[in-house]
Amino acid sequence: MNPVTGLSLGRIAIGAAALSSPTLTTRLLRLDGAANPQLPYLLRMFGSREVALGAVTLLAPAAARRNVVAAGIAVDLADAVAGVMAARDGHVTRPTGAFLTAPALGAVAAGIAGWRA
């Protein structure tokens, strides 16, 4: 499977999970939902972004797809930085920060691989 297609389908799946069950997604992401009652709202915002970015990438015409993939790489890089900063600032533990950062960096790598193809 093309890395961009796999990444797009993964975005849609993760986004749908965040939209439909933010409480479960909170636990899966190792976040403290009890201490953050606004977290379901933020996860649903994250989920809608992921579904939209995944769908737009899959539906983009060939001429525009490269630009959409570049936007996805930028978003994933920002997510990785956010994970590092959250751990650095003590908002999450270092292991949780690494757990949140690793998939974002993987998505950056997949995006770059697909962008080059």
PDB file of N, CA and C in Angstrom:
ATOM      1  N   MET A   1       0.855  -1.182   0.000  1.00  0.00           N
ATOM      2  CA  MET A   1       0.000   0.000   0.000  1.00  0.00           C
ATOM      3  C   MET A   1       0.899   1.243   0.000  1.00  0.00           C
ATOM      4  N   ASN A   2       0.524   2.211  -0.768  1.00  0.00           N
ATOM      5  CA  ASN A   2       1.210   3.492  -0.803  1.00  0.00           C
ATOM      6  C   ASN A   2       1.215   4.095   0.605  1.00  0.00           C
ATOM      7  N   PRO A   3       2.339   4.649   1.088  1.00  0.00           N
ATOM      8  CA  PRO A   3       2.381   5.208   2.437  1.00  0.00           C
ATOM      9  C   PRO A   3       1.362   6.323   2.661  1.00  0.00           C
ATOM     10  N   VAL A   4       1.101   7.106   1.642  1.00  0.00           N
ATOM     11  CA  VAL A   4       0.134   8.205   1.785  1.00  0.00           C
ATOM     12  C   VAL A   4      -1.281   7.647   1.962  1.00  0.00           C
ATOM     13  N   THR A   5      -1.614   6.608   1.225  1.00  0.00           N
ATOM     14  CA  THR A   5      -2.935   5.993   1.382  1.00  0.00           C
ATOM     15  C   THR A   5      -3.081   5.402   2.768  1.00  0.00           C
ATOM     16  N   GLY A   6      -2.057   4.663   3.215  1.00  0.00           N
ATOM     17  CA  GLY A   6      -2.101   4.084   4.561  1.00  0.00           C
ATOM     18  C   GLY A   6      -2.211   5.145   5.638  1.00  0.00           C
ATOM     19  N   LEU A   7      -1.433   6.201   5.504  1.00  0.00           N
ATOM     20  CA  LEU A   7      -1.474   7.300   6.463  1.00  0.00           C
ATOM     21  C   LEU A   7      -2.850   7.968   6.463  1.00  0.00           C
ATOM     22  N   SER A   8      -3.414   8.172   5.296  1.00  0.00           N
ATOM     23  CA  SER A   8      -4.741   8.804   5.194  1.00  0.00           C
ATOM     24  C   SER A   8      -5.814   7.944   5.843  1.00  0.00           C
ATOM     25  N   LEU A   9      -5.769   6.645   5.590  1.00  0.00           N
ATOM     26  CA  LEU A   9      -6.747   5.748   6.221  1.00  0.00           C
ATOM     27  C   LEU A   9      -6.553   5.709   7.729  1.00  0.00           C
ATOM     28  N   GLY A  10      -5.296   5.739   8.169  1.00  0.00           N
ATOM     29  CA  GLY A  10      -5.020   5.796   9.607  1.00  0.00           C
ATOM     30  C   GLY A  10      -5.551   7.066  10.234  1.00  0.00           C
ATOM     31  N   ARG A  11      -5.382   8.192   9.534  1.00  0.00           N
ATOM     32  CA  ARG A  11      -5.925   9.469  10.034  1.00  0.00           C
ATOM     33  C   ARG A  11      -7.440   9.378  10.211  1.00  0.00           C
ATOM     34  N   ILE A  12      -8.098   8.820   9.221  1.00  0.00           N
ATOM     35  CA  ILE A  12      -9.559   8.728   9.283  1.00  0.00           C
ATOM     36  C   ILE A  12      -9.982   7.834  10.437  1.00  0.00           C
ATOM     37  N   ALA A  13      -9.294   6.713  10.636  1.00  0.00           N
ATOM     38  CA  ALA A  13      -9.648   5.798  11.730  1.00  0.00           C
ATOM     39  C   ALA A  13      -9.426   6.449  13.097  1.00  0.00           C
ATOM     40  N   ILE A  14      -8.275   7.084  13.279  1.00  0.00           N
ATOM     41  CA  ILE A  14      -7.980   7.734  14.560  1.00  0.00           C
ATOM     42  C   ILE A  14      -8.940   8.896  14.789  1.00  0.00           C
ATOM     43  N   GLY A  15      -9.189   9.655  13.752  1.00  0.00           N
ATOM     44  CA  GLY A  15     -10.116  10.780  13.876  1.00  0.00           C
ATOM     45  C   GLY A  15     -11.526  10.329  14.213  1.00  0.00           C
ATOM     46  N   ALA A  16     -11.976   9.266  13.562  1.00  0.00           N
ATOM     47  CA  ALA A  16     -13.318   8.747  13.855  1.00  0.00           C
ATOM     48  C   ALA A  16     -13.410   8.258  15.293  1.00  0.00           C
ATOM     49  N   ALA A  17     -12.352   7.626  15.781  1.00  0.00           N
ATOM     50  CA  ALA A  17     -12.344   7.169  17.178  1.00  0.00           C
ATOM     51  C   ALA A  17     -12.420   8.353  18.134  1.00  0.00           C
ATOM     52  N   ALA A  18     -11.649   9.409  17.856  1.00  0.00           N
ATOM     53  CA  ALA A  18     -11.667  10.591  18.714  1.00  0.00           C
ATOM     54  C   ALA A  18     -13.024  11.283  18.681  1.00  0.00           C
ATOM     55  N   LEU A  19     -13.646  11.313  17.519  1.00  0.00           N
ATOM     56  CA  LEU A  19     -14.970  11.933  17.406  1.00  0.00           C
ATOM     57  C   LEU A  19     -16.045  11.121  18.118  1.00  0.00           C
ATOM     58  N   SER A  20     -16.012   9.818  17.933  1.00  0.00           N
ATOM     59  CA  SER A  20     -17.099   8.984  18.454  1.00  0.00           C
ATOM     60  C   SER A  20     -16.917   8.602  19.914  1.00  0.00           C
ATOM     61  N   SER A  21     -15.683   8.501  20.384  1.00  0.00           N
ATOM     62  CA  SER A  21     -15.446   8.089  21.767  1.00  0.00           C
ATOM     63  C   SER A  21     -14.231   8.810  22.340  1.00  0.00           C
ATOM     64  N   PRO A  22     -14.394  10.090  22.650  1.00  0.00           N
ATOM     65  CA  PRO A  22     -13.245  10.830  23.175  1.00  0.00           C
ATOM     66  C   PRO A  22     -12.761  10.306  24.530  1.00  0.00           C
ATOM     67  N   THR A  23     -13.647   9.732  25.321  1.00  0.00           N
ATOM     68  CA  THR A  23     -13.228   9.192  26.618  1.00  0.00           C
ATOM     69  C   THR A  23     -12.292   8.000  26.426  1.00  0.00           C
ATOM     70  N   LEU A  24     -12.641   7.106  25.526  1.00  0.00           N
ATOM     71  CA  LEU A  24     -11.778   5.967  25.234  1.00  0.00           C
ATOM     72  C   LEU A  24     -10.462   6.450  24.626  1.00  0.00           C
ATOM     73  N   THR A  25     -10.535   7.401  23.718  1.00  0.00           N
ATOM     74  CA  THR A  25      -9.334   7.935  23.094  1.00  0.00           C
ATOM     75  C   THR A  25      -8.424   8.578  24.131  1.00  0.00           C
ATOM     76  N   THR A  26      -9.011   9.253  25.112  1.00  0.00           N
ATOM     77  CA  THR A  26      -8.231   9.841  26.205  1.00  0.00           C
ATOM     78  C   THR A  26      -7.409   8.773  26.907  1.00  0.00           C
ATOM     79  N   ARG A  27      -8.047   7.654  27.226  1.00  0.00           N
ATOM     80  CA  ARG A  27      -7.328   6.562  27.905  1.00  0.00           C
ATOM     81  C   ARG A  27      -6.261   5.969  26.991  1.00  0.00           C
ATOM     82  N   LEU A  28      -6.577   5.762  25.724  1.00  0.00           N
ATOM     83  CA  LEU A  28      -5.610   5.179  24.794  1.00  0.00           C
ATOM     84  C   LEU A  28      -4.384   6.076  24.615  1.00  0.00           C
ATOM     85  N   LEU A  29      -4.585   7.377  24.698  1.00  0.00           N
ATOM     86  CA  LEU A  29      -3.484   8.327  24.554  1.00  0.00           C
ATOM     87  C   LEU A  29      -2.771   8.598  25.874  1.00  0.00           C
ATOM     88  N   ARG A  30      -3.199   7.908  26.930  1.00  0.00           N
ATOM     89  CA  ARG A  30      -2.586   8.030  28.264  1.00  0.00           C
ATOM     90  C   ARG A  30      -2.733   9.427  28.842  1.00  0.00           C
ATOM     91  N   LEU A  31      -3.852  10.082  28.565  1.00  0.00           N
ATOM     92  CA  LEU A  31      -4.109  11.422  29.080  1.00  0.00           C
ATOM     93  C   LEU A  31      -5.040  11.331  30.272  1.00  0.00           C
ATOM     94  N   ASP A  32      -5.006  12.331  31.134  1.00  0.00           N
ATOM     95  CA  ASP A  32      -5.801  12.344  32.360  1.00  0.00           C
ATOM     96  C   ASP A  32      -7.115  13.080  32.119  1.00  0.00           C
ATOM     97  N   GLY A  33      -8.119  12.327  31.695  1.00  0.00           N
ATOM     98  CA  GLY A  33      -9.423  12.923  31.408  1.00  0.00           C
ATOM     99  C   GLY A  33     -10.116  13.465  32.645  1.00  0.00           C
ATOM    100  N   ALA A  34      -9.905  12.830  33.786  1.00  0.00           N
ATOM    101  CA  ALA A  34     -10.550  13.289  35.020  1.00  0.00           C
ATOM    102  C   ALA A  34     -10.051  14.674  35.422  1.00  0.00           C
ATOM    103  N   ALA A  35      -8.783  14.945  35.190  1.00  0.00           N
ATOM    104  CA  ALA A  35      -8.217  16.242  35.539  1.00  0.00           C
ATOM    105  C   ALA A  35      -8.458  17.290  34.455  1.00  0.00           C
ATOM    106  N   ASN A  36      -8.942  16.860  33.297  1.00  0.00           N
ATOM    107  CA  ASN A  36      -9.135  17.766  32.164  1.00  0.00           C
ATOM    108  C   ASN A  36     -10.532  17.572  31.574  1.00  0.00           C
ATOM    109  N   PRO A  37     -11.550  18.154  32.186  1.00  0.00           N
ATOM    110  CA  PRO A  37     -12.916  17.919  31.692  1.00  0.00           C
ATOM    111  C   PRO A  37     -13.181  18.469  30.293  1.00  0.00           C
ATOM    112  N   GLN A  38     -12.312  19.353  29.803  1.00  0.00           N
ATOM    113  CA  GLN A  38     -12.477  19.889  28.449  1.00  0.00           C
ATOM    114  C   GLN A  38     -11.825  18.997  27.395  1.00  0.00           C
ATOM    115  N   LEU A  39     -11.142  17.961  27.824  1.00  0.00           N
ATOM    116  CA  LEU A  39     -10.407  17.107  26.895  1.00  0.00           C
ATOM    117  C   LEU A  39     -11.282  16.470  25.811  1.00  0.00           C
ATOM    118  N   PRO A  40     -12.505  16.010  26.119  1.00  0.00           N
ATOM    119  CA  PRO A  40     -13.330  15.457  25.035  1.00  0.00           C
ATOM    120  C   PRO A  40     -13.594  16.469  23.910  1.00  0.00           C
ATOM    121  N   TYR A  41     -13.789  17.720  24.268  1.00  0.00           N
ATOM    122  CA  TYR A  41     -13.986  18.761  23.259  1.00  0.00           C
ATOM    123  C   TYR A  41     -12.752  18.878  22.365  1.00  0.00           C
ATOM    124  N   LEU A  42     -11.573  18.949  22.977  1.00  0.00           N
ATOM    125  CA  LEU A  42     -10.336  19.078  22.201  1.00  0.00           C
ATOM    126  C   LEU A  42     -10.068  17.842  21.357  1.00  0.00           C
ATOM    127  N   LEU A  43     -10.374  16.672  21.891  1.00  0.00           N
ATOM    128  CA  LEU A  43     -10.173  15.454  21.102  1.00  0.00           C
ATOM    129  C   LEU A  43     -11.113  15.399  19.911  1.00  0.00           C
ATOM    130  N   ARG A  44     -12.324  15.893  20.080  1.00  0.00           N
ATOM    131  CA  ARG A  44     -13.235  15.929  18.930  1.00  0.00           C
ATOM    132  C   ARG A  44     -12.746  16.921  17.878  1.00  0.00           C
ATOM    133  N   MET A  45     -12.157  18.038  18.304  1.00  0.00           N
ATOM    134  CA  MET A  45     -11.565  18.971  17.339  1.00  0.00           C
ATOM    135  C   MET A  45     -10.415  18.289  16.607  1.00  0.00           C
ATOM    136  N   PHE A  46      -9.561  17.588  17.344  1.00  0.00           N
ATOM    137  CA  PHE A  46      -8.463  16.829  16.754  1.00  0.00           C
ATOM    138  C   PHE A  46      -9.015  15.792  15.783  1.00  0.00           C
ATOM    139  N   GLY A  47     -10.058  15.089  16.199  1.00  0.00           N
ATOM    140  CA  GLY A  47     -10.650  14.040  15.364  1.00  0.00           C
ATOM    141  C   GLY A  47     -11.188  14.583  14.055  1.00  0.00           C
ATOM    142  N   SER A  48     -11.870  15.706  14.119  1.00  0.00           N
ATOM    143  CA  SER A  48     -12.417  16.270  12.880  1.00  0.00           C
ATOM    144  C   SER A  48     -11.298  16.700  11.943  1.00  0.00           C
ATOM    145  N   ARG A  49     -10.217  17.219  12.496  1.00  0.00           N
ATOM    146  CA  ARG A  49      -9.062  17.604  11.679  1.00  0.00           C
ATOM    147  C   ARG A  49      -8.462  16.384  10.991  1.00  0.00           C
ATOM    148  N   GLU A  50      -8.311  15.298  11.742  1.00  0.00           N
ATOM    149  CA  GLU A  50      -7.714  14.087  11.184  1.00  0.00           C
ATOM    150  C   GLU A  50      -8.592  13.473  10.089  1.00  0.00           C
ATOM    151  N   VAL A  51      -9.889  13.405  10.332  1.00  0.00           N
ATOM    152  CA  VAL A  51     -10.794  12.859   9.308  1.00  0.00           C
ATOM    153  C   VAL A  51     -10.742  13.730   8.054  1.00  0.00           C
ATOM    154  N   ALA A  52     -10.803  15.043   8.240  1.00  0.00           N
ATOM    155  CA  ALA A  52     -10.783  15.948   7.087  1.00  0.00           C
ATOM    156  C   ALA A  52      -9.473  15.831   6.311  1.00  0.00           C
ATOM    157  N   LEU A  53      -8.346  15.823   7.011  1.00  0.00           N
ATOM    158  CA  LEU A  53      -7.061  15.745   6.324  1.00  0.00           C
ATOM    159  C   LEU A  53      -6.894  14.408   5.606  1.00  0.00           C
ATOM    160  N   GLY A  54      -7.328  13.334   6.236  1.00  0.00           N
ATOM    161  CA  GLY A  54      -7.255  12.026   5.585  1.00  0.00           C
ATOM    162  C   GLY A  54      -8.123  11.957   4.346  1.00  0.00           C
ATOM    163  N   ALA A  55      -9.362  12.451   4.455  1.00  0.00           N
ATOM    164  CA  ALA A  55     -10.288  12.400   3.323  1.00  0.00           C
ATOM    165  C   ALA A  55      -9.825  13.301   2.183  1.00  0.00           C
ATOM    166  N   VAL A  56      -9.371  14.504   2.511  1.00  0.00           N
ATOM    167  CA  VAL A  56      -8.909  15.428   1.470  1.00  0.00           C
ATOM    168  C   VAL A  56      -7.708  14.836   0.733  1.00  0.00           C
ATOM    169  N   THR A  57      -6.826  14.184   1.476  1.00  0.00           N
ATOM    170  CA  THR A  57      -5.659  13.577   0.829  1.00  0.00           C
ATOM    171  C   THR A  57      -6.080  12.477  -0.136  1.00  0.00           C
ATOM    172  N   LEU A  58      -7.003  11.639   0.293  1.00  0.00           N
ATOM    173  CA  LEU A  58      -7.463  10.547  -0.573  1.00  0.00           C
ATOM    174  C   LEU A  58      -8.207  11.066  -1.804  1.00  0.00           C
ATOM    175  N   LEU A  59      -8.936  12.158  -1.643  1.00  0.00           N
ATOM    176  CA  LEU A  59      -9.777  12.667  -2.722  1.00  0.00           C
ATOM    177  C   LEU A  59      -9.075  13.698  -3.615  1.00  0.00           C
ATOM    178  N   ALA A  60      -7.898  14.155  -3.205  1.00  0.00           N
ATOM    179  CA  ALA A  60      -7.215  15.204  -3.968  1.00  0.00           C
ATOM    180  C   ALA A  60      -6.808  14.695  -5.347  1.00  0.00           C
ATOM    181  N   PRO A  61      -7.004  15.519  -6.363  1.00  0.00           N
ATOM    182  CA  PRO A  61      -6.499  15.136  -7.690  1.00  0.00           C
ATOM    183  C   PRO A  61      -4.973  15.043  -7.640  1.00  0.00           C
ATOM    184  N   ALA A  62      -4.417  14.270  -8.528  1.00  0.00           N
ATOM    185  CA  ALA A  62      -2.970  14.021  -8.533  1.00  0.00           C
ATOM    186  C   ALA A  62      -2.153  15.310  -8.492  1.00  0.00           C
ATOM    187  N   ALA A  63      -2.593  16.324  -9.209  1.00  0.00           N
ATOM    188  CA  ALA A  63      -1.843  17.579  -9.267  1.00  0.00           C
ATOM    189  C   ALA A  63      -1.793  18.276  -7.911  1.00  0.00           C
ATOM    190  N   ALA A  64      -2.795  18.113  -7.098  1.00  0.00           N
ATOM    191  CA  ALA A  64      -2.861  18.796  -5.805  1.00  0.00           C
ATOM    192  C   ALA A  64      -2.417  17.911  -4.647  1.00  0.00           C
ATOM    193  N   ARG A  65      -2.361  16.625  -4.868  1.00  0.00           N
ATOM    194  CA  ARG A  65      -2.097  15.684  -3.767  1.00  0.00           C
ATOM    195  C   ARG A  65      -0.756  15.955  -3.085  1.00  0.00           C
ATOM    196  N   ARG A  66       0.244  16.284  -3.852  1.00  0.00           N
ATOM    197  CA  ARG A  66       1.565  16.556  -3.283  1.00  0.00           C
ATOM    198  C   ARG A  66       1.503  17.708  -2.281  1.00  0.00           C
ATOM    199  N   ASN A  67       0.749  18.739  -2.585  1.00  0.00           N
ATOM    200  CA  ASN A  67       0.609  19.883  -1.674  1.00  0.00           C
ATOM    201  C   ASN A  67      -0.171  19.489  -0.423  1.00  0.00           C
ATOM    202  N   VAL A  68      -1.180  18.670  -0.578  1.00  0.00           N
ATOM    203  CA  VAL A  68      -1.965  18.223   0.575  1.00  0.00           C
ATOM    204  C   VAL A  68      -1.094  17.356   1.484  1.00  0.00           C
ATOM    205  N   VAL A  69      -0.283  16.500   0.887  1.00  0.00           N
ATOM    206  CA  VAL A  69       0.631  15.668   1.675  1.00  0.00           C
ATOM    207  C   VAL A  69       1.616  16.562   2.431  1.00  0.00           C
ATOM    208  N   ALA A  70       2.116  17.606   1.807  1.00  0.00           N
ATOM    209  CA  ALA A  70       3.030  18.537   2.479  1.00  0.00           C
ATOM    210  C   ALA A  70       2.347  19.194   3.677  1.00  0.00           C
ATOM    211  N   ALA A  71       1.080  19.551   3.522  1.00  0.00           N
ATOM    212  CA  ALA A  71       0.338  20.126   4.648  1.00  0.00           C
ATOM    213  C   ALA A  71       0.213  19.112   5.776  1.00  0.00           C
ATOM    214  N   GLY A  72      -0.041  17.861   5.431  1.00  0.00           N
ATOM    215  CA  GLY A  72      -0.125  16.808   6.436  1.00  0.00           C
ATOM    216  C   GLY A  72       1.189  16.619   7.172  1.00  0.00           C
ATOM    217  N   ILE A  73       2.299  16.684   6.450  1.00  0.00           N
ATOM    218  CA  ILE A  73       3.618  16.570   7.075  1.00  0.00           C
ATOM    219  C   ILE A  73       3.799  17.701   8.087  1.00  0.00           C
ATOM    220  N   ALA A  74       3.408  18.910   7.713  1.00  0.00           N
ATOM    221  CA  ALA A  74       3.536  20.054   8.618  1.00  0.00           C
ATOM    222  C   ALA A  74       2.682  19.861   9.875  1.00  0.00           C
ATOM    223  N   VAL A  75       1.467  19.373   9.699  1.00  0.00           N
ATOM    224  CA  VAL A  75       0.582  19.128  10.847  1.00  0.00           C
ATOM    225  C   VAL A  75       1.171  18.060  11.762  1.00  0.00           C
ATOM    226  N   ASP A  76       1.689  16.985  11.176  1.00  0.00           N
ATOM    227  CA  ASP A  76       2.268  15.915  11.978  1.00  0.00           C
ATOM    228  C   ASP A  76       3.534  16.377  12.693  1.00  0.00           C
ATOM    229  N   LEU A  77       4.323  17.205  12.050  1.00  0.00           N
ATOM    230  CA  LEU A  77       5.508  17.748  12.697  1.00  0.00           C
ATOM    231  C   LEU A  77       5.115  18.639  13.879  1.00  0.00           C
ATOM    232  N   ALA A  78       4.072  19.435  13.699  1.00  0.00           N
ATOM    233  CA  ALA A  78       3.571  20.260  14.802  1.00  0.00           C
ATOM    234  C   ALA A  78       3.067  19.386  15.945  1.00  0.00           C
ATOM    235  N   ASP A  79       2.414  18.273  15.628  1.00  0.00           N
ATOM    236  CA  ASP A  79       1.957  17.345  16.670  1.00  0.00           C
ATOM    237  C   ASP A  79       3.140  16.759  17.433  1.00  0.00           C
ATOM    238  N   ALA A  80       4.216  16.430  16.721  1.00  0.00           N
ATOM    239  CA  ALA A  80       5.415  15.892  17.375  1.00  0.00           C
ATOM    240  C   ALA A  80       6.018  16.931  18.320  1.00  0.00           C
ATOM    241  N   VAL A  81       6.116  18.158  17.863  1.00  0.00           N
ATOM    242  CA  VAL A  81       6.640  19.236  18.706  1.00  0.00           C
ATOM    243  C   VAL A  81       5.746  19.417  19.935  1.00  0.00           C
ATOM    244  N   ALA A  82       4.439  19.333  19.741  1.00  0.00           N
ATOM    245  CA  ALA A  82       3.508  19.473  20.872  1.00  0.00           C
ATOM    246  C   ALA A  82       3.731  18.375  21.908  1.00  0.00           C
ATOM    247  N   GLY A  83       4.000  17.154  21.452  1.00  0.00           N
ATOM    248  CA  GLY A  83       4.276  16.059  22.374  1.00  0.00           C
ATOM    249  C   GLY A  83       5.544  16.293  23.181  1.00  0.00           C
ATOM    250  N   VAL A  84       6.583  16.760  22.509  1.00  0.00           N
ATOM    251  CA  VAL A  84       7.845  17.065  23.187  1.00  0.00           C
ATOM    252  C   VAL A  84       7.641  18.189  24.199  1.00  0.00           C
ATOM    253  N   MET A  85       6.944  19.233  23.790  1.00  0.00           N
ATOM    254  CA  MET A  85       6.711  20.377  24.676  1.00  0.00           C
ATOM    255  C   MET A  85       5.846  19.998  25.876  1.00  0.00           C
ATOM    256  N   ALA A  86       4.860  19.142  25.662  1.00  0.00           N
ATOM    257  CA  ALA A  86       4.008  18.711  26.772  1.00  0.00           C
ATOM    258  C   ALA A  86       4.823  17.984  27.825  1.00  0.00           C
ATOM    259  N   ALA A  87       5.746  17.133  27.394  1.00  0.00           N
ATOM    260  CA  ALA A  87       6.607  16.430  28.344  1.00  0.00           C
ATOM    261  C   ALA A  87       7.587  17.401  29.005  1.00  0.00           C
ATOM    262  N   ARG A  88       8.172  18.271  28.207  1.00  0.00           N
ATOM    263  CA  ARG A  88       9.130  19.240  28.740  1.00  0.00           C
ATOM    264  C   ARG A  88       8.507  20.139  29.800  1.00  0.00           C
ATOM    265  N   ASP A  89       7.262  20.568  29.546  1.00  0.00           N
ATOM    266  CA  ASP A  89       6.573  21.483  30.451  1.00  0.00           C
ATOM    267  C   ASP A  89       5.905  20.777  31.625  1.00  0.00           C
ATOM    268  N   GLY A  90       5.967  19.445  31.648  1.00  0.00           N
ATOM    269  CA  GLY A  90       5.381  18.691  32.754  1.00  0.00           C
ATOM    270  C   GLY A  90       3.883  18.474  32.657  1.00  0.00           C
ATOM    271  N   HIS A  91       3.303  18.719  31.487  1.00  0.00           N
ATOM    272  CA  HIS A  91       1.866  18.495  31.307  1.00  0.00           C
ATOM    273  C   HIS A  91       1.545  17.011  31.171  1.00  0.00           C
ATOM    274  N   VAL A  92       2.501  16.254  30.697  1.00  0.00           N
ATOM    275  CA  VAL A  92       2.409  14.790  30.645  1.00  0.00           C
ATOM    276  C   VAL A  92       3.753  14.245  31.116  1.00  0.00           C
ATOM    277  N   THR A  93       3.777  12.986  31.502  1.00  0.00           N
ATOM    278  CA  THR A  93       5.043  12.375  31.889  1.00  0.00           C
ATOM    279  C   THR A  93       5.932  12.230  30.660  1.00  0.00           C
ATOM    280  N   ARG A  94       7.203  12.034  30.878  1.00  0.00           N
ATOM    281  CA  ARG A  94       8.113  11.848  29.746  1.00  0.00           C
ATOM    282  C   ARG A  94       7.759  10.613  28.930  1.00  0.00           C
ATOM    283  N   PRO A  95       7.430   9.473  29.575  1.00  0.00           N
ATOM    284  CA  PRO A  95       7.016   8.320  28.762  1.00  0.00           C
ATOM    285  C   PRO A  95       5.760   8.603  27.930  1.00  0.00           C
ATOM    286  N   THR A  96       4.802   9.326  28.504  1.00  0.00           N
ATOM    287  CA  THR A  96       3.601   9.671  27.740  1.00  0.00           C
ATOM    288  C   THR A  96       3.949  10.637  26.613  1.00  0.00           C
ATOM    289  N   GLY A  97       4.835  11.587  26.875  1.00  0.00           N
ATOM    290  CA  GLY A  97       5.267  12.499  25.824  1.00  0.00           C
ATOM    291  C   GLY A  97       5.913  11.751  24.664  1.00  0.00           C
ATOM    292  N   ALA A  98       6.744  10.758  25.014  1.00  0.00           N
ATOM    293  CA  ALA A  98       7.367   9.941  23.961  1.00  0.00           C
ATOM    294  C   ALA A  98       6.310   9.129  23.227  1.00  0.00           C
ATOM    295  N   PHE A  99       5.334   8.601  23.970  1.00  0.00           N
ATOM    296  CA  PHE A  99       4.247   7.815  23.377  1.00  0.00           C
ATOM    297  C   PHE A  99       3.423   8.666  22.412  1.00  0.00           C
ATOM    298  N   LEU A 100       3.226   9.929  22.727  1.00  0.00           N
ATOM    299  CA  LEU A 100       2.469  10.830  21.854  1.00  0.00           C
ATOM    300  C   LEU A 100       3.306  11.325  20.673  1.00  0.00           C
ATOM    301  N   THR A 101       4.604  11.475  20.878  1.00  0.00           N
ATOM    302  CA  THR A 101       5.482  12.009  19.843  1.00  0.00           C
ATOM    303  C   THR A 101       5.826  10.976  18.777  1.00  0.00           C
ATOM    304  N   ALA A 102       6.031   9.734  19.184  1.00  0.00           N
ATOM    305  CA  ALA A 102       6.482   8.695  18.251  1.00  0.00           C
ATOM    306  C   ALA A 102       5.551   8.509  17.048  1.00  0.00           C
ATOM    307  N   PRO A 103       4.228   8.381  17.253  1.00  0.00           N
ATOM    308  CA  PRO A 103       3.373   8.211  16.064  1.00  0.00           C
ATOM    309  C   PRO A 103       3.369   9.436  15.153  1.00  0.00           C
ATOM    310  N   ALA A 104       3.493  10.615  15.744  1.00  0.00           N
ATOM    311  CA  ALA A 104       3.537  11.827  14.922  1.00  0.00           C
ATOM    312  C   ALA A 104       4.793  11.825  14.053  1.00  0.00           C
ATOM    313  N   LEU A 105       5.925  11.417  14.633  1.00  0.00           N
ATOM    314  CA  LEU A 105       7.158  11.330  13.846  1.00  0.00           C
ATOM    315  C   LEU A 105       7.061  10.231  12.787  1.00  0.00           C
ATOM    316  N   GLY A 106       6.390   9.134  13.127  1.00  0.00           N
ATOM    317  CA  GLY A 106       6.154   8.079  12.138  1.00  0.00           C
ATOM    318  C   GLY A 106       5.309   8.586  10.983  1.00  0.00           C
ATOM    319  N   ALA A 107       4.322   9.402  11.310  1.00  0.00           N
ATOM    320  CA  ALA A 107       3.473   9.973  10.261  1.00  0.00           C
ATOM    321  C   ALA A 107       4.268  10.945   9.394  1.00  0.00           C
ATOM    322  N   VAL A 108       5.176  11.697  10.003  1.00  0.00           N
ATOM    323  CA  VAL A 108       6.047  12.585   9.223  1.00  0.00           C
ATOM    324  C   VAL A 108       6.871  11.749   8.248  1.00  0.00           C
ATOM    325  N   ALA A 109       7.453  10.665   8.741  1.00  0.00           N
ATOM    326  CA  ALA A 109       8.274   9.803   7.887  1.00  0.00           C
ATOM    327  C   ALA A 109       7.447   9.195   6.755  1.00  0.00           C
ATOM    328  N   ALA A 110       6.244   8.718   7.078  1.00  0.00           N
ATOM    329  CA  ALA A 110       5.377   8.142   6.042  1.00  0.00           C
ATOM    330  C   ALA A 110       4.975   9.211   5.029  1.00  0.00           C
ATOM    331  N   GLY A 111       4.682  10.398   5.520  1.00  0.00           N
ATOM    332  CA  GLY A 111       4.321  11.483   4.617  1.00  0.00           C
ATOM    333  C   GLY A 111       5.456  11.843   3.683  1.00  0.00           C
ATOM    334  N   ILE A 112       6.670  11.916   4.231  1.00  0.00           N
ATOM    335  CA  ILE A 112       7.835  12.234   3.385  1.00  0.00           C
ATOM    336  C   ILE A 112       8.060  11.133   2.366  1.00  0.00           C
ATOM    337  N   ALA A 113       7.937   9.873   2.793  1.00  0.00           N
ATOM    338  CA  ALA A 113       8.111   8.751   1.854  1.00  0.00           C
ATOM    339  C   ALA A 113       7.080   8.828   0.728  1.00  0.00           C
ATOM    340  N   GLY A 114       5.849   9.109   1.068  1.00  0.00           N
ATOM    341  CA  GLY A 114       4.810   9.233   0.049  1.00  0.00           C
ATOM    342  C   GLY A 114       4.980  10.450  -0.820  1.00  0.00           C
ATOM    343  N   TRP A 115       5.452  11.538  -0.227  1.00  0.00           N
ATOM    344  CA  TRP A 115       5.644  12.784  -0.960  1.00  0.00           C
ATOM    345  C   TRP A 115       6.734  12.629  -2.005  1.00  0.00           C
ATOM    346  N   ARG A 116       7.758  11.841  -1.664  1.00  0.00           N
ATOM    347  CA  ARG A 116       8.856  11.615  -2.594  1.00  0.00           C
ATOM    348  C   ARG A 116       8.463  10.673  -3.729  1.00  0.00           C
ATOM    349  N   ALA A 117       7.520   9.788  -3.465  1.00  0.00           N
ATOM    350  CA  ALA A 117       7.137   8.764  -4.461  1.00  0.00           C
ATOM    351  C   ALA A 117       6.408   9.366  -5.639  1.00  0.00           C
TER     352      ALA A 117
END
